[in-house]
Amino acid sequence: MNSTLSLTEVAEPYAQALMSVAQSNHITDQIGEDARSILGLLGESEDFRLLVSSPLIEADKKKAVLRQIVEGQVQPYMLNFLMLLIDRGRVLVLPEICDQYLVLLRQLRQAVLAEVTSAVELSDEQKETIRQKVLATTSANEVELKTSVDPELLGGVVIKVGSQVIDASLRGQLRKIGLKLGVAL
């Protein structure tokens, strides 16, 4: 847990600096999209994760490969920021920096993140319904959905907004019935 805390402590000033640059250049949303893209790439590509995290790859080689991968795909400010992270030996903290930037962006836009887990992939209509319900129950101006699928839910959804969890899944309903009956499910 201490290592996670120290990663967050390292990530926060970098995310704040990136936000400051983005705000002064009026590109906060574009940098947010870049951060999401980078997080997606880190989640999808083991090769990209290894490139970013390997201490054995020299900084110049990391920069050259990273430039090939993202140049033209991200804002020039984001590319320069990535090069700075490599120079300072902080590129290992890139996922945490991107996550923290998105937290700052949501705060700026008065938005909340709703993490939605469902038994099956949600349709656009279902996502919009969830978005509207979350808007109605929070003081947020916008709702960002992060969806995932967990077939073990059997049906329904689990929605997490901050520390609040709404369990409308079939598994959760069965668990509640079981508790009322005194049976562990």
C-alpha atoms as a PDB file:
ATOM      1  CA  MET A   1       0.000   0.000   0.000  1.00  0.00           C
ATOM      2  CA  ASN A   2       2.879   2.370   0.707  1.00  0.00           C
ATOM      3  CA  SER A   3       4.199   1.914  -2.841  1.00  0.00           C
ATOM      4  CA  THR A   4       0.785   2.921  -4.225  1.00  0.00           C
ATOM      5  CA  LEU A   5       0.701   5.924  -1.952  1.00  0.00           C
ATOM      6  CA  SER A   6       4.168   7.007  -3.034  1.00  0.00           C
ATOM      7  CA  LEU A   7       3.232   6.546  -6.729  1.00  0.00           C
ATOM      8  CA  THR A   8       0.238   8.809  -6.177  1.00  0.00           C
ATOM      9  CA  GLU A   9       2.408  11.336  -4.379  1.00  0.00           C
ATOM     10  CA  VAL A  10       4.804  11.362  -7.345  1.00  0.00           C
ATOM     11  CA  ALA A  11       1.981  11.452  -9.903  1.00  0.00           C
ATOM     12  CA  GLU A  12      -0.013  14.342  -8.449  1.00  0.00           C
ATOM     13  CA  PRO A  13       2.456  17.189  -9.104  1.00  0.00           C
ATOM     14  CA  TYR A  14       3.049  15.957 -12.642  1.00  0.00           C
ATOM     15  CA  ALA A  15      -0.693  15.717 -13.307  1.00  0.00           C
ATOM     16  CA  GLN A  16      -1.183  19.209 -11.877  1.00  0.00           C
ATOM     17  CA  ALA A  17       1.617  20.567 -14.056  1.00  0.00           C
ATOM     18  CA  LEU A  18       0.080  18.917 -17.125  1.00  0.00           C
ATOM     19  CA  MET A  19      -3.306  20.400 -16.199  1.00  0.00           C
ATOM     20  CA  SER A  20      -1.727  23.842 -15.829  1.00  0.00           C
ATOM     21  CA  VAL A  21      -0.181  23.632 -19.313  1.00  0.00           C
ATOM     22  CA  ALA A  22      -3.458  22.307 -20.754  1.00  0.00           C
ATOM     23  CA  GLN A  23      -5.487  25.102 -19.165  1.00  0.00           C
ATOM     24  CA  SER A  24      -3.138  27.851 -20.302  1.00  0.00           C
ATOM     25  CA  ASN A  25      -3.364  26.499 -23.870  1.00  0.00           C
ATOM     26  CA  HIS A  26      -7.121  25.780 -23.720  1.00  0.00           C
ATOM     27  CA  ILE A  27      -6.664  22.073 -24.483  1.00  0.00           C
ATOM     28  CA  THR A  28      -7.803  20.393 -21.257  1.00  0.00           C
ATOM     29  CA  ASP A  29     -10.275  18.111 -23.029  1.00  0.00           C
ATOM     30  CA  GLN A  30      -7.800  17.149 -25.766  1.00  0.00           C
ATOM     31  CA  ILE A  31      -5.149  16.265 -23.182  1.00  0.00           C
ATOM     32  CA  GLY A  32      -7.846  14.273 -21.352  1.00  0.00           C
ATOM     33  CA  GLU A  33      -8.498  12.289 -24.542  1.00  0.00           C
ATOM     34  CA  ASP A  34      -4.741  11.753 -24.909  1.00  0.00           C
ATOM     35  CA  ALA A  35      -4.569  10.478 -21.313  1.00  0.00           C
ATOM     36  CA  ARG A  36      -7.453   8.063 -21.981  1.00  0.00           C
ATOM     37  CA  SER A  37      -5.746   6.866 -25.182  1.00  0.00           C
ATOM     38  CA  ILE A  38      -2.463   6.279 -23.385  1.00  0.00           C
ATOM     39  CA  LEU A  39      -4.234   4.387 -20.587  1.00  0.00           C
ATOM     40  CA  GLY A  40      -6.014   2.299 -23.214  1.00  0.00           C
ATOM     41  CA  LEU A  41      -2.732   1.553 -24.953  1.00  0.00           C
ATOM     42  CA  LEU A  42      -1.120   0.590 -21.646  1.00  0.00           C
ATOM     43  CA  GLY A  43      -4.061  -1.711 -20.909  1.00  0.00           C
ATOM     44  CA  GLU A  44      -4.136  -3.347 -24.340  1.00  0.00           C
ATOM     45  CA  SER A  45      -0.477  -3.681 -25.285  1.00  0.00           C
ATOM     46  CA  GLU A  46       1.978  -5.616 -23.179  1.00  0.00           C
ATOM     47  CA  ASP A  47       4.779  -4.437 -25.486  1.00  0.00           C
ATOM     48  CA  PHE A  48       3.883  -0.808 -24.775  1.00  0.00           C
ATOM     49  CA  ARG A  49       3.757  -1.497 -21.021  1.00  0.00           C
ATOM     50  CA  LEU A  50       7.187  -3.133 -21.189  1.00  0.00           C
ATOM     51  CA  LEU A  51       8.591  -0.216 -23.170  1.00  0.00           C
ATOM     52  CA  VAL A  52       7.348   2.259 -20.596  1.00  0.00           C
ATOM     53  CA  SER A  53       8.333   0.253 -17.519  1.00  0.00           C
ATOM     54  CA  SER A  54      11.630  -1.382 -18.505  1.00  0.00           C
ATOM     55  CA  PRO A  55      14.695   0.106 -16.832  1.00  0.00           C
ATOM     56  CA  LEU A  56      16.856  -1.808 -19.322  1.00  0.00           C
ATOM     57  CA  ILE A  57      15.767   0.265 -22.328  1.00  0.00           C
ATOM     58  CA  GLU A  58      17.828   3.432 -22.687  1.00  0.00           C
ATOM     59  CA  ALA A  59      16.025   6.755 -22.489  1.00  0.00           C
ATOM     60  CA  ASP A  60      16.914   7.725 -26.071  1.00  0.00           C
ATOM     61  CA  LYS A  61      15.530   4.452 -27.419  1.00  0.00           C
ATOM     62  CA  LYS A  62      12.357   4.824 -25.330  1.00  0.00           C
ATOM     63  CA  LYS A  63      11.893   8.338 -26.664  1.00  0.00           C
ATOM     64  CA  ALA A  64      12.415   7.256 -30.283  1.00  0.00           C
ATOM     65  CA  VAL A  65       9.960   4.363 -30.051  1.00  0.00           C
ATOM     66  CA  LEU A  66       7.413   6.361 -28.072  1.00  0.00           C
ATOM     67  CA  ARG A  67       7.656   9.188 -30.593  1.00  0.00           C
ATOM     68  CA  GLN A  68       6.972   6.689 -33.416  1.00  0.00           C
ATOM     69  CA  ILE A  69       3.949   5.299 -31.605  1.00  0.00           C
ATOM     70  CA  VAL A  70       2.204   8.479 -30.454  1.00  0.00           C
ATOM     71  CA  GLU A  71       3.465  11.359 -32.592  1.00  0.00           C
ATOM     72  CA  GLY A  72       0.551  12.750 -34.542  1.00  0.00           C
ATOM     73  CA  GLN A  73      -1.845  10.806 -32.289  1.00  0.00           C
ATOM     74  CA  VAL A  74      -1.539  13.086 -29.255  1.00  0.00           C
ATOM     75  CA  GLN A  75      -1.202  16.813 -28.673  1.00  0.00           C
ATOM     76  CA  PRO A  76       2.381  18.109 -29.072  1.00  0.00           C
ATOM     77  CA  TYR A  77       2.242  19.224 -25.426  1.00  0.00           C
ATOM     78  CA  MET A  78       1.456  15.653 -24.394  1.00  0.00           C
ATOM     79  CA  LEU A  79       4.317  14.323 -26.510  1.00  0.00           C
ATOM     80  CA  ASN A  80       6.709  16.822 -24.901  1.00  0.00           C
ATOM     81  CA  PHE A  81       5.364  15.837 -21.497  1.00  0.00           C
ATOM     82  CA  LEU A  82       6.055  12.154 -22.224  1.00  0.00           C
ATOM     83  CA  MET A  83       9.616  13.017 -23.274  1.00  0.00           C
ATOM     84  CA  LEU A  84      10.052  14.971 -20.023  1.00  0.00           C
ATOM     85  CA  LEU A  85       8.848  11.983 -18.003  1.00  0.00           C
ATOM     86  CA  ILE A  86      11.425   9.781 -19.723  1.00  0.00           C
ATOM     87  CA  ASP A  87      14.203  12.336 -19.108  1.00  0.00           C
ATOM     88  CA  ARG A  88      13.292  12.556 -15.420  1.00  0.00           C
ATOM     89  CA  GLY A  89      12.921   8.798 -14.986  1.00  0.00           C
ATOM     90  CA  ARG A  90       9.244   9.163 -14.111  1.00  0.00           C
ATOM     91  CA  VAL A  91       7.676   7.407 -17.099  1.00  0.00           C
ATOM     92  CA  LEU A  92       7.000   4.416 -14.807  1.00  0.00           C
ATOM     93  CA  VAL A  93       4.348   6.554 -13.123  1.00  0.00           C
ATOM     94  CA  LEU A  94       2.608   7.369 -16.423  1.00  0.00           C
ATOM     95  CA  PRO A  95      -0.597   5.397 -15.669  1.00  0.00           C
ATOM     96  CA  GLU A  96      -0.996   7.108 -12.306  1.00  0.00           C
ATOM     97  CA  ILE A  97      -0.301  10.529 -13.847  1.00  0.00           C
ATOM     98  CA  CYS A  98      -2.935   9.940 -16.543  1.00  0.00           C
ATOM     99  CA  ASP A  99      -5.457   8.735 -13.954  1.00  0.00           C
ATOM    100  CA  GLN A 100      -4.765  11.740 -11.733  1.00  0.00           C
ATOM    101  CA  TYR A 101      -5.066  14.139 -14.699  1.00  0.00           C
ATOM    102  CA  LEU A 102      -8.506  12.668 -15.459  1.00  0.00           C
ATOM    103  CA  VAL A 103      -9.502  13.197 -11.806  1.00  0.00           C
ATOM    104  CA  LEU A 104      -8.440  16.848 -12.093  1.00  0.00           C
ATOM    105  CA  LEU A 105     -10.298  17.201 -15.391  1.00  0.00           C
ATOM    106  CA  ARG A 106     -13.490  15.817 -13.848  1.00  0.00           C
ATOM    107  CA  GLN A 107     -13.140  18.267 -10.956  1.00  0.00           C
ATOM    108  CA  LEU A 108     -12.672  21.132 -13.403  1.00  0.00           C
ATOM    109  CA  ARG A 109     -15.733  20.115 -15.415  1.00  0.00           C
ATOM    110  CA  GLN A 110     -17.783  19.279 -12.298  1.00  0.00           C
ATOM    111  CA  ALA A 111     -18.151  15.745 -13.560  1.00  0.00           C
ATOM    112  CA  VAL A 112     -18.266  12.405 -11.793  1.00  0.00           C
ATOM    113  CA  LEU A 113     -16.989   9.008 -12.806  1.00  0.00           C
ATOM    114  CA  ALA A 114     -19.569   6.241 -12.696  1.00  0.00           C
ATOM    115  CA  GLU A 115     -18.006   2.783 -12.852  1.00  0.00           C
ATOM    116  CA  VAL A 116     -20.657   0.462 -14.249  1.00  0.00           C
ATOM    117  CA  THR A 117     -20.293  -3.315 -14.179  1.00  0.00           C
ATOM    118  CA  SER A 118     -22.911  -5.316 -16.023  1.00  0.00           C
ATOM    119  CA  ALA A 119     -23.507  -8.958 -16.889  1.00  0.00           C
ATOM    120  CA  VAL A 120     -23.544  -8.160 -20.618  1.00  0.00           C
ATOM    121  CA  GLU A 121     -22.359  -5.292 -22.803  1.00  0.00           C
ATOM    122  CA  LEU A 122     -24.649  -2.275 -22.399  1.00  0.00           C
ATOM    123  CA  SER A 123     -26.346  -0.606 -25.345  1.00  0.00           C
ATOM    124  CA  ASP A 124     -25.926   3.132 -25.950  1.00  0.00           C
ATOM    125  CA  GLU A 125     -29.515   3.638 -24.771  1.00  0.00           C
ATOM    126  CA  GLN A 126     -28.824   1.791 -21.502  1.00  0.00           C
ATOM    127  CA  LYS A 127     -25.645   3.817 -20.955  1.00  0.00           C
ATOM    128  CA  GLU A 128     -27.572   7.049 -21.486  1.00  0.00           C
ATOM    129  CA  THR A 129     -30.265   5.928 -19.024  1.00  0.00           C
ATOM    130  CA  ILE A 130     -27.607   5.205 -16.408  1.00  0.00           C
ATOM    131  CA  ARG A 131     -25.914   8.527 -17.134  1.00  0.00           C
ATOM    132  CA  GLN A 132     -29.218  10.392 -16.611  1.00  0.00           C
ATOM    133  CA  LYS A 133     -29.963   8.538 -13.352  1.00  0.00           C
ATOM    134  CA  VAL A 134     -26.487   9.334 -11.999  1.00  0.00           C
ATOM    135  CA  LEU A 135     -26.927  12.994 -13.004  1.00  0.00           C
ATOM    136  CA  ALA A 136     -30.232  13.077 -11.142  1.00  0.00           C
ATOM    137  CA  THR A 137     -28.711  11.664  -7.948  1.00  0.00           C
ATOM    138  CA  THR A 138     -25.539  13.785  -7.867  1.00  0.00           C
ATOM    139  CA  SER A 139     -24.739  17.472  -8.067  1.00  0.00           C
ATOM    140  CA  ALA A 140     -22.509  16.876 -11.089  1.00  0.00           C
ATOM    141  CA  ASN A 141     -22.875  18.645 -14.430  1.00  0.00           C
ATOM    142  CA  GLU A 142     -21.564  15.645 -16.377  1.00  0.00           C
ATOM    143  CA  VAL A 143     -21.182  11.898 -15.926  1.00  0.00           C
ATOM    144  CA  GLU A 144     -18.308   9.907 -17.361  1.00  0.00           C
ATOM    145  CA  LEU A 145     -19.077   6.207 -17.656  1.00  0.00           C
ATOM    146  CA  LYS A 146     -16.455   3.503 -17.303  1.00  0.00           C
ATOM    147  CA  THR A 147     -18.076   0.203 -18.197  1.00  0.00           C
ATOM    148  CA  SER A 148     -16.964  -3.366 -17.684  1.00  0.00           C
ATOM    149  CA  VAL A 149     -18.611  -6.762 -18.112  1.00  0.00           C
ATOM    150  CA  ASP A 150     -18.752  -9.424 -15.387  1.00  0.00           C
ATOM    151  CA  PRO A 151     -20.797 -12.486 -16.454  1.00  0.00           C
ATOM    152  CA  GLU A 152     -20.941 -13.639 -12.816  1.00  0.00           C
ATOM    153  CA  LEU A 153     -23.471 -10.872 -12.085  1.00  0.00           C
ATOM    154  CA  LEU A 154     -26.065 -13.005 -13.916  1.00  0.00           C
ATOM    155  CA  GLY A 155     -28.056  -9.862 -14.806  1.00  0.00           C
ATOM    156  CA  GLY A 156     -28.454  -6.209 -13.897  1.00  0.00           C
ATOM    157  CA  VAL A 157     -25.734  -3.704 -13.057  1.00  0.00           C
ATOM    158  CA  VAL A 158     -23.509  -2.474 -10.247  1.00  0.00           C
ATOM    159  CA  ILE A 159     -22.859   1.267 -10.332  1.00  0.00           C
ATOM    160  CA  LYS A 160     -20.093   2.880  -8.290  1.00  0.00           C
ATOM    161  CA  VAL A 161     -19.907   6.673  -8.027  1.00  0.00           C
ATOM    162  CA  GLY A 162     -17.181   7.717  -5.614  1.00  0.00           C
ATOM    163  CA  SER A 163     -17.750   5.737  -2.426  1.00  0.00           C
ATOM    164  CA  GLN A 164     -21.432   5.072  -3.180  1.00  0.00           C
ATOM    165  CA  VAL A 165     -22.286   1.667  -4.651  1.00  0.00           C
ATOM    166  CA  ILE A 166     -25.670   0.805  -6.140  1.00  0.00           C
ATOM    167  CA  ASP A 167     -25.987  -2.944  -6.567  1.00  0.00           C
ATOM    168  CA  ALA A 168     -28.881  -3.622  -8.937  1.00  0.00           C
ATOM    169  CA  SER A 169     -27.450  -6.945 -10.068  1.00  0.00           C
ATOM    170  CA  LEU A 170     -29.296 -10.230  -9.888  1.00  0.00           C
ATOM    171  CA  ARG A 171     -26.456 -11.675  -7.812  1.00  0.00           C
ATOM    172  CA  GLY A 172     -26.736  -8.750  -5.382  1.00  0.00           C
ATOM    173  CA  GLN A 173     -30.533  -9.129  -5.117  1.00  0.00           C
ATOM    174  CA  LEU A 174     -30.159 -12.860  -4.433  1.00  0.00           C
ATOM    175  CA  ARG A 175     -27.563 -12.082  -1.754  1.00  0.00           C
ATOM    176  CA  LYS A 176     -29.991  -9.621  -0.066  1.00  0.00           C
ATOM    177  CA  ILE A 177     -32.806 -12.200  -0.122  1.00  0.00           C
ATOM    178  CA  GLY A 178     -30.438 -14.803   1.293  1.00  0.00           C
ATOM    179  CA  LEU A 179     -29.439 -12.493   4.137  1.00  0.00           C
ATOM    180  CA  LYS A 180     -33.090 -11.823   4.978  1.00  0.00           C
ATOM    181  CA  LEU A 181     -33.727 -15.570   5.046  1.00  0.00           C
ATOM    182  CA  GLY A 182     -30.566 -16.199   7.049  1.00  0.00           C
ATOM    183  CA  VAL A 183     -28.897 -18.144   4.269  1.00  0.00           C
ATOM    184  CA  ALA A 184     -25.470 -17.214   2.914  1.00  0.00           C
ATOM    185  CA  LEU A 185     -25.424 -17.173  -0.899  1.00  0.00           C
END
